[in-house]
Amino acid sequence: MSGGDIAAIIAASAFALFVLFTAIPLVKLGRLIDETSASVRELSEDVSPLLTGLTETVTETNKQLARIDVITENAAEVSQNISSLVAVFTASVGSPLVKIAGFAKSLSGIFLNKK
């Protein structure tokens, strides 16, 4: 064996060790990628029913909000009707009461001045 043959054997051995040492992290990386794939698949399976339930919840919430909107509109209409009723009552009863009060005050002033 010549010096070149020995150098070639040493170089081949060094390359084999290099491949061996780099193969271990590559195998671990492959396992990590497999586990990540499985986790993503499992997460996808879990998220799909969750999104379906969320969609149903949002749909039901929108229905309830539509009902509340109708109730709010009706309450506003009732409030406006009560306000109009108070205005009509004030105009029809309040004005004559003010006149009667003024007349009563005038009469009391007349009778009190005579004494």
C-alpha atoms as a PDB file:
ATOM      1  CA  MET A   1       0.000   0.000   0.000  1.00  0.00           C
ATOM      2  CA  SER A   2       1.283   3.273  -1.009  1.00  0.00           C
ATOM      3  CA  GLY A   3       0.841   6.609   0.712  1.00  0.00           C
ATOM      4  CA  GLY A   4      -1.883   7.598  -1.761  1.00  0.00           C
ATOM      5  CA  ASP A   5      -3.874   4.440  -0.979  1.00  0.00           C
ATOM      6  CA  ILE A   6      -3.676   5.123   2.745  1.00  0.00           C
ATOM      7  CA  ALA A   7      -4.728   8.732   2.174  1.00  0.00           C
ATOM      8  CA  ALA A   8      -7.674   7.520   0.083  1.00  0.00           C
ATOM      9  CA  ILE A   9      -8.747   5.081   2.828  1.00  0.00           C
ATOM     10  CA  ILE A  10      -8.500   7.850   5.445  1.00  0.00           C
ATOM     11  CA  ALA A  11     -10.477  10.212   3.217  1.00  0.00           C
ATOM     12  CA  ALA A  12     -13.114   7.543   2.559  1.00  0.00           C
ATOM     13  CA  SER A  13     -13.357   6.794   6.290  1.00  0.00           C
ATOM     14  CA  ALA A  14     -13.685  10.495   7.097  1.00  0.00           C
ATOM     15  CA  PHE A  15     -16.415  10.852   4.473  1.00  0.00           C
ATOM     16  CA  ALA A  16     -18.228   7.786   5.893  1.00  0.00           C
ATOM     17  CA  LEU A  17     -18.087   9.310   9.395  1.00  0.00           C
ATOM     18  CA  PHE A  18     -19.337  12.627   7.996  1.00  0.00           C
ATOM     19  CA  VAL A  19     -22.266  10.868   6.310  1.00  0.00           C
ATOM     20  CA  LEU A  20     -23.000   8.928   9.517  1.00  0.00           C
ATOM     21  CA  PHE A  21     -22.974  12.055  11.695  1.00  0.00           C
ATOM     22  CA  THR A  22     -25.163  14.006   9.262  1.00  0.00           C
ATOM     23  CA  ALA A  23     -27.576  11.077   8.820  1.00  0.00           C
ATOM     24  CA  ILE A  24     -28.596  11.111  12.504  1.00  0.00           C
ATOM     25  CA  PRO A  25     -29.885  14.726  12.476  1.00  0.00           C
ATOM     26  CA  LEU A  26     -31.532  14.109   9.102  1.00  0.00           C
ATOM     27  CA  VAL A  27     -33.395  11.087  10.505  1.00  0.00           C
ATOM     28  CA  LYS A  28     -34.473  13.141  13.524  1.00  0.00           C
ATOM     29  CA  LEU A  29     -35.590  15.940  11.196  1.00  0.00           C
ATOM     30  CA  GLY A  30     -37.620  13.421   9.187  1.00  0.00           C
ATOM     31  CA  ARG A  31     -39.347  12.217  12.371  1.00  0.00           C
ATOM     32  CA  LEU A  32     -40.053  15.812  13.348  1.00  0.00           C
ATOM     33  CA  ILE A  33     -41.619  16.502   9.961  1.00  0.00           C
ATOM     34  CA  ASP A  34     -43.730  13.323  10.248  1.00  0.00           C
ATOM     35  CA  GLU A  35     -44.960  14.312  13.718  1.00  0.00           C
ATOM     36  CA  THR A  36     -45.689  17.839  12.518  1.00  0.00           C
ATOM     37  CA  SER A  37     -47.674  16.407   9.619  1.00  0.00           C
ATOM     38  CA  ALA A  38     -49.674  14.209  11.985  1.00  0.00           C
ATOM     39  CA  SER A  39     -50.317  17.154  14.318  1.00  0.00           C
ATOM     40  CA  VAL A  40     -51.505  19.355  11.458  1.00  0.00           C
ATOM     41  CA  ARG A  41     -53.781  16.561  10.198  1.00  0.00           C
ATOM     42  CA  GLU A  42     -55.238  16.060  13.690  1.00  0.00           C
ATOM     43  CA  LEU A  43     -55.671  19.801  14.139  1.00  0.00           C
ATOM     44  CA  SER A  44     -57.472  20.013  10.798  1.00  0.00           C
ATOM     45  CA  GLU A  45     -59.818  17.226  11.861  1.00  0.00           C
ATOM     46  CA  ASP A  46     -60.546  19.017  15.165  1.00  0.00           C
ATOM     47  CA  VAL A  47     -60.978  22.469  13.644  1.00  0.00           C
ATOM     48  CA  SER A  48     -63.515  21.433  11.012  1.00  0.00           C
ATOM     49  CA  PRO A  49     -66.318  20.583  13.499  1.00  0.00           C
ATOM     50  CA  LEU A  50     -65.384  23.628  15.537  1.00  0.00           C
ATOM     51  CA  LEU A  51     -65.827  25.887  12.517  1.00  0.00           C
ATOM     52  CA  THR A  52     -69.148  24.218  11.717  1.00  0.00           C
ATOM     53  CA  GLY A  53     -70.349  24.874  15.262  1.00  0.00           C
ATOM     54  CA  LEU A  54     -69.105  28.445  15.104  1.00  0.00           C
ATOM     55  CA  THR A  55     -70.989  29.004  11.854  1.00  0.00           C
ATOM     56  CA  GLU A  56     -74.192  27.694  13.442  1.00  0.00           C
ATOM     57  CA  THR A  57     -73.658  29.922  16.478  1.00  0.00           C
ATOM     58  CA  VAL A  58     -73.148  33.016  14.342  1.00  0.00           C
ATOM     59  CA  THR A  59     -76.264  32.173  12.301  1.00  0.00           C
ATOM     60  CA  GLU A  60     -78.386  31.794  15.444  1.00  0.00           C
ATOM     61  CA  THR A  61     -76.914  34.995  16.889  1.00  0.00           C
ATOM     62  CA  ASN A  62     -77.840  36.882  13.730  1.00  0.00           C
ATOM     63  CA  LYS A  63     -81.410  35.553  13.992  1.00  0.00           C
ATOM     64  CA  GLN A  64     -81.640  36.716  17.608  1.00  0.00           C
ATOM     65  CA  LEU A  65     -80.214  40.123  16.700  1.00  0.00           C
ATOM     66  CA  ALA A  66     -82.863  40.475  13.999  1.00  0.00           C
ATOM     67  CA  ARG A  67     -85.547  39.746  16.600  1.00  0.00           C
ATOM     68  CA  ILE A  68     -84.021  42.247  19.005  1.00  0.00           C
ATOM     69  CA  ASP A  69     -83.954  44.808  16.200  1.00  0.00           C
ATOM     70  CA  VAL A  70     -87.708  44.347  15.690  1.00  0.00           C
ATOM     71  CA  ILE A  71     -88.302  44.653  19.437  1.00  0.00           C
ATOM     72  CA  THR A  72     -86.198  47.824  19.572  1.00  0.00           C
ATOM     73  CA  GLU A  73     -88.127  49.346  16.672  1.00  0.00           C
ATOM     74  CA  ASN A  74     -91.415  48.511  18.394  1.00  0.00           C
ATOM     75  CA  ALA A  75     -90.187  50.027  21.667  1.00  0.00           C
ATOM     76  CA  ALA A  76     -89.186  53.208  19.827  1.00  0.00           C
ATOM     77  CA  GLU A  77     -92.624  53.355  18.200  1.00  0.00           C
ATOM     78  CA  VAL A  78     -94.358  52.875  21.575  1.00  0.00           C
ATOM     79  CA  SER A  79     -92.173  55.597  23.090  1.00  0.00           C
ATOM     80  CA  GLN A  80     -93.086  57.953  20.264  1.00  0.00           C
ATOM     81  CA  ASN A  81     -96.791  57.137  20.671  1.00  0.00           C
ATOM     82  CA  ILE A  82     -96.607  57.820  24.414  1.00  0.00           C
ATOM     83  CA  SER A  83     -94.868  61.118  23.727  1.00  0.00           C
ATOM     84  CA  SER A  84     -97.610  62.071  21.269  1.00  0.00           C
ATOM     85  CA  LEU A  85    -100.283  61.021  23.774  1.00  0.00           C
ATOM     86  CA  VAL A  86     -98.709  63.179  26.482  1.00  0.00           C
ATOM     87  CA  ALA A  87     -98.577  66.123  24.078  1.00  0.00           C
ATOM     88  CA  VAL A  88    -102.257  65.678  23.163  1.00  0.00           C
ATOM     89  CA  PHE A  89    -103.233  65.302  26.832  1.00  0.00           C
ATOM     90  CA  THR A  90    -101.269  68.412  27.761  1.00  0.00           C
ATOM     91  CA  ALA A  91    -102.834  70.393  24.939  1.00  0.00           C
ATOM     92  CA  SER A  92    -106.395  69.253  25.638  1.00  0.00           C
ATOM     93  CA  VAL A  93    -106.405  69.208  29.444  1.00  0.00           C
ATOM     94  CA  GLY A  94    -103.496  71.426  30.391  1.00  0.00           C
ATOM     95  CA  SER A  95    -104.647  74.575  28.616  1.00  0.00           C
ATOM     96  CA  PRO A  96    -108.135  74.639  30.197  1.00  0.00           C
ATOM     97  CA  LEU A  97    -106.612  73.908  33.613  1.00  0.00           C
ATOM     98  CA  VAL A  98    -104.281  76.876  33.223  1.00  0.00           C
ATOM     99  CA  LYS A  99    -107.245  79.077  32.314  1.00  0.00           C
ATOM    100  CA  ILE A 100    -109.249  77.796  35.295  1.00  0.00           C
ATOM    101  CA  ALA A 101    -106.286  78.380  37.598  1.00  0.00           C
ATOM    102  CA  GLY A 102    -105.890  81.916  36.290  1.00  0.00           C
ATOM    103  CA  PHE A 103    -109.607  82.559  36.712  1.00  0.00           C
ATOM    104  CA  ALA A 104    -109.539  81.146  40.257  1.00  0.00           C
ATOM    105  CA  LYS A 105    -106.587  83.346  41.135  1.00  0.00           C
ATOM    106  CA  SER A 106    -108.406  86.391  39.792  1.00  0.00           C
ATOM    107  CA  LEU A 107    -111.494  85.542  41.823  1.00  0.00           C
ATOM    108  CA  SER A 108    -109.455  84.965  44.957  1.00  0.00           C
ATOM    109  CA  GLY A 109    -107.739  88.300  44.421  1.00  0.00           C
ATOM    110  CA  ILE A 110    -111.094  90.033  44.055  1.00  0.00           C
ATOM    111  CA  PHE A 111    -112.576  88.423  47.147  1.00  0.00           C
ATOM    112  CA  LEU A 112    -109.452  89.005  49.235  1.00  0.00           C
ATOM    113  CA  ASN A 113    -109.324  92.699  48.288  1.00  0.00           C
ATOM    114  CA  LYS A 114    -112.960  93.230  49.401  1.00  0.00           C
ATOM    115  CA  LYS A 115    -112.298  92.165  52.958  1.00  0.00           C
END
